């Protein structure tokens, strides 16, 4: 089964896997993981403004973590952008709204502890 992992799930997998729920740990170890380009963008911005500090440059760190975890990248397509723009404002974070839109459009569950995303009718795994 393919699953989309939320940004915080990806970060916790890499740096602090004990923060993942037992179910999330099992899913992240055994399923086909996808990471949205929106999450890569979000991580880059967080590093740039100092809200996320990594021990190496963000590009190298991302490449290593993605490769080590065997993660596939989900691009942002035109239809994803249109879907995100039309979602109700249940969630104010534009990155999370994009993840919700991608999950809806691609029929993917989302591995996240953000229960607010369930308001968009997507399957949440946590």
C-alpha atoms as a PDB file:
ATOM      1  CA  UNK A   1       0.000   0.000   0.000  1.00  0.00           C
ATOM      2  CA  UNK A   2       1.224   3.501  -0.836  1.00  0.00           C
ATOM      3  CA  UNK A   3       0.964   6.155   1.896  1.00  0.00           C
ATOM      4  CA  UNK A   4       1.801   9.853   1.988  1.00  0.00           C
ATOM      5  CA  UNK A   5       3.830  10.856   5.023  1.00  0.00           C
ATOM      6  CA  UNK A   6       3.320  14.258   6.603  1.00  0.00           C
ATOM      7  CA  UNK A   7       6.329  16.538   7.027  1.00  0.00           C
ATOM      8  CA  UNK A   8       6.577  15.933  10.765  1.00  0.00           C
ATOM      9  CA  UNK A   9       6.352  12.169  10.208  1.00  0.00           C
ATOM     10  CA  UNK A  10       9.321  12.348   7.837  1.00  0.00           C
ATOM     11  CA  UNK A  11      11.307  14.500  10.269  1.00  0.00           C
ATOM     12  CA  UNK A  12      10.535  12.205  13.210  1.00  0.00           C
ATOM     13  CA  UNK A  13      11.416   9.101  11.181  1.00  0.00           C
ATOM     14  CA  UNK A  14      14.835  10.632  10.540  1.00  0.00           C
ATOM     15  CA  UNK A  15      15.634  12.250  13.864  1.00  0.00           C
ATOM     16  CA  UNK A  16      13.341  10.972  16.624  1.00  0.00           C
ATOM     17  CA  UNK A  17      11.409   7.806  15.674  1.00  0.00           C
ATOM     18  CA  UNK A  18      10.151   7.404  19.252  1.00  0.00           C
ATOM     19  CA  UNK A  19       7.778  10.295  18.532  1.00  0.00           C
ATOM     20  CA  UNK A  20       5.950   8.118  16.005  1.00  0.00           C
ATOM     21  CA  UNK A  21       2.990   6.117  17.252  1.00  0.00           C
ATOM     22  CA  UNK A  22       3.457   2.333  17.256  1.00  0.00           C
ATOM     23  CA  UNK A  23       1.109   2.047  14.261  1.00  0.00           C
ATOM     24  CA  UNK A  24       2.928   4.808  12.365  1.00  0.00           C
ATOM     25  CA  UNK A  25       6.269   3.065  12.997  1.00  0.00           C
ATOM     26  CA  UNK A  26       4.926  -0.206  11.566  1.00  0.00           C
ATOM     27  CA  UNK A  27       3.427   1.513   8.508  1.00  0.00           C
ATOM     28  CA  UNK A  28       6.571   3.561   7.849  1.00  0.00           C
ATOM     29  CA  UNK A  29       8.709   0.427   8.054  1.00  0.00           C
ATOM     30  CA  UNK A  30       6.546  -1.754   5.840  1.00  0.00           C
ATOM     31  CA  UNK A  31       4.670   0.323   3.284  1.00  0.00           C
ATOM     32  CA  UNK A  32       5.573   2.227   0.134  1.00  0.00           C
ATOM     33  CA  UNK A  33       6.213   5.744   1.444  1.00  0.00           C
ATOM     34  CA  UNK A  34       5.661   8.920  -0.517  1.00  0.00           C
ATOM     35  CA  UNK A  35       6.819  12.404   0.426  1.00  0.00           C
ATOM     36  CA  UNK A  36       5.240  15.430  -1.184  1.00  0.00           C
ATOM     37  CA  UNK A  37       7.288  18.135  -2.830  1.00  0.00           C
ATOM     38  CA  UNK A  38       5.274  20.403  -0.506  1.00  0.00           C
ATOM     39  CA  UNK A  39       7.026  18.790   2.482  1.00  0.00           C
ATOM     40  CA  UNK A  40      10.439  19.316   0.896  1.00  0.00           C
ATOM     41  CA  UNK A  41       9.526  22.957   0.314  1.00  0.00           C
ATOM     42  CA  UNK A  42       8.284  23.288   3.913  1.00  0.00           C
ATOM     43  CA  UNK A  43      11.487  21.795   5.329  1.00  0.00           C
ATOM     44  CA  UNK A  44      13.590  24.156   3.221  1.00  0.00           C
ATOM     45  CA  UNK A  45      11.647  27.170   4.459  1.00  0.00           C
ATOM     46  CA  UNK A  46      11.870  26.027   8.096  1.00  0.00           C
ATOM     47  CA  UNK A  47      15.643  25.682   7.753  1.00  0.00           C
ATOM     48  CA  UNK A  48      15.939  29.080   6.097  1.00  0.00           C
ATOM     49  CA  UNK A  49      14.048  30.888   8.881  1.00  0.00           C
ATOM     50  CA  UNK A  50      15.757  28.972  11.685  1.00  0.00           C
ATOM     51  CA  UNK A  51      12.779  26.884  12.873  1.00  0.00           C
ATOM     52  CA  UNK A  52      14.598  23.693  11.884  1.00  0.00           C
ATOM     53  CA  UNK A  53      18.322  23.165  12.378  1.00  0.00           C
ATOM     54  CA  UNK A  54      20.076  20.279  10.644  1.00  0.00           C
ATOM     55  CA  UNK A  55      23.659  19.073  11.086  1.00  0.00           C
ATOM     56  CA  UNK A  56      24.353  19.513   7.358  1.00  0.00           C
ATOM     57  CA  UNK A  57      22.970  21.529   4.478  1.00  0.00           C
ATOM     58  CA  UNK A  58      19.304  20.839   3.805  1.00  0.00           C
ATOM     59  CA  UNK A  59      19.827  19.454   0.284  1.00  0.00           C
ATOM     60  CA  UNK A  60      22.337  16.835   1.409  1.00  0.00           C
ATOM     61  CA  UNK A  61      20.255  15.917   4.453  1.00  0.00           C
ATOM     62  CA  UNK A  62      17.060  15.513   2.429  1.00  0.00           C
ATOM     63  CA  UNK A  63      18.740  13.415  -0.245  1.00  0.00           C
ATOM     64  CA  UNK A  64      20.252  11.094   2.377  1.00  0.00           C
ATOM     65  CA  UNK A  65      17.071  10.665   4.396  1.00  0.00           C
ATOM     66  CA  UNK A  66      14.898  10.078   1.333  1.00  0.00           C
ATOM     67  CA  UNK A  67      17.346   7.532  -0.088  1.00  0.00           C
ATOM     68  CA  UNK A  68      17.897   5.701   3.232  1.00  0.00           C
ATOM     69  CA  UNK A  69      14.145   5.361   3.835  1.00  0.00           C
ATOM     70  CA  UNK A  70      13.393   4.364   0.233  1.00  0.00           C
ATOM     71  CA  UNK A  71      10.858   7.158  -0.126  1.00  0.00           C
ATOM     72  CA  UNK A  72       9.273   8.144  -3.450  1.00  0.00           C
ATOM     73  CA  UNK A  73       8.620  11.799  -4.196  1.00  0.00           C
ATOM     74  CA  UNK A  74       5.086  12.935  -5.033  1.00  0.00           C
ATOM     75  CA  UNK A  75       5.217  15.993  -7.310  1.00  0.00           C
ATOM     76  CA  UNK A  76       2.659  18.754  -7.109  1.00  0.00           C
ATOM     77  CA  UNK A  77       0.510  18.551 -10.215  1.00  0.00           C
ATOM     78  CA  UNK A  78      -1.857  21.161 -11.616  1.00  0.00           C
ATOM     79  CA  UNK A  79      -4.866  19.172 -10.367  1.00  0.00           C
ATOM     80  CA  UNK A  80      -3.359  19.039  -6.860  1.00  0.00           C
ATOM     81  CA  UNK A  81      -3.033  22.830  -6.808  1.00  0.00           C
ATOM     82  CA  UNK A  82      -6.624  23.292  -7.999  1.00  0.00           C
ATOM     83  CA  UNK A  83      -7.882  20.787  -5.412  1.00  0.00           C
ATOM     84  CA  UNK A  84      -5.949  22.494  -2.600  1.00  0.00           C
ATOM     85  CA  UNK A  85      -7.333  25.888  -3.616  1.00  0.00           C
ATOM     86  CA  UNK A  86     -10.889  24.583  -3.457  1.00  0.00           C
ATOM     87  CA  UNK A  87     -10.668  22.884  -0.043  1.00  0.00           C
ATOM     88  CA  UNK A  88     -12.650  24.390   2.815  1.00  0.00           C
ATOM     89  CA  UNK A  89     -10.509  26.199   5.367  1.00  0.00           C
ATOM     90  CA  UNK A  90     -10.579  23.420   7.988  1.00  0.00           C
ATOM     91  CA  UNK A  91      -6.818  23.735   8.184  1.00  0.00           C
ATOM     92  CA  UNK A  92      -5.010  27.056   7.852  1.00  0.00           C
ATOM     93  CA  UNK A  93      -1.541  25.679   6.984  1.00  0.00           C
ATOM     94  CA  UNK A  94      -1.109  25.764   3.177  1.00  0.00           C
ATOM     95  CA  UNK A  95       1.366  22.862   3.238  1.00  0.00           C
ATOM     96  CA  UNK A  96      -1.084  20.646   5.105  1.00  0.00           C
ATOM     97  CA  UNK A  97      -3.882  21.682   2.780  1.00  0.00           C
ATOM     98  CA  UNK A  98      -1.724  20.602  -0.169  1.00  0.00           C
ATOM     99  CA  UNK A  99      -1.047  17.236   1.485  1.00  0.00           C
ATOM    100  CA  UNK A 100      -4.785  16.776   2.043  1.00  0.00           C
ATOM    101  CA  UNK A 101      -5.496  17.644  -1.593  1.00  0.00           C
ATOM    102  CA  UNK A 102      -2.849  15.214  -2.801  1.00  0.00           C
ATOM    103  CA  UNK A 103      -4.233  12.446  -0.595  1.00  0.00           C
ATOM    104  CA  UNK A 104      -7.730  13.053  -1.960  1.00  0.00           C
ATOM    105  CA  UNK A 105      -6.609  13.249  -5.576  1.00  0.00           C
ATOM    106  CA  UNK A 106      -4.316  10.215  -5.380  1.00  0.00           C
ATOM    107  CA  UNK A 107      -6.479   8.117  -3.037  1.00  0.00           C
ATOM    108  CA  UNK A 108      -3.692   7.904  -0.466  1.00  0.00           C
ATOM    109  CA  UNK A 109      -3.898   7.626   3.316  1.00  0.00           C
ATOM    110  CA  UNK A 110      -1.752  10.091   5.254  1.00  0.00           C
ATOM    111  CA  UNK A 111       0.609   9.108   8.073  1.00  0.00           C
ATOM    112  CA  UNK A 112       0.171  12.075  10.411  1.00  0.00           C
ATOM    113  CA  UNK A 113      -0.656  12.959  13.986  1.00  0.00           C
ATOM    114  CA  UNK A 114      -2.569  16.001  12.691  1.00  0.00           C
ATOM    115  CA  UNK A 115      -6.162  14.898  13.244  1.00  0.00           C
ATOM    116  CA  UNK A 116      -7.452  18.131  11.651  1.00  0.00           C
ATOM    117  CA  UNK A 117      -6.665  16.639   8.232  1.00  0.00           C
ATOM    118  CA  UNK A 118      -9.410  14.049   8.746  1.00  0.00           C
ATOM    119  CA  UNK A 119     -11.940  16.851   8.177  1.00  0.00           C
ATOM    120  CA  UNK A 120     -11.032  16.574   4.482  1.00  0.00           C
ATOM    121  CA  UNK A 121     -12.280  13.003   4.310  1.00  0.00           C
ATOM    122  CA  UNK A 122      -8.866  11.373   3.974  1.00  0.00           C
ATOM    123  CA  UNK A 123      -7.727   8.310   5.866  1.00  0.00           C
ATOM    124  CA  UNK A 124      -5.391   9.198   8.718  1.00  0.00           C
ATOM    125  CA  UNK A 125      -2.907   6.659   9.976  1.00  0.00           C
ATOM    126  CA  UNK A 126      -1.474   7.298  13.402  1.00  0.00           C
END
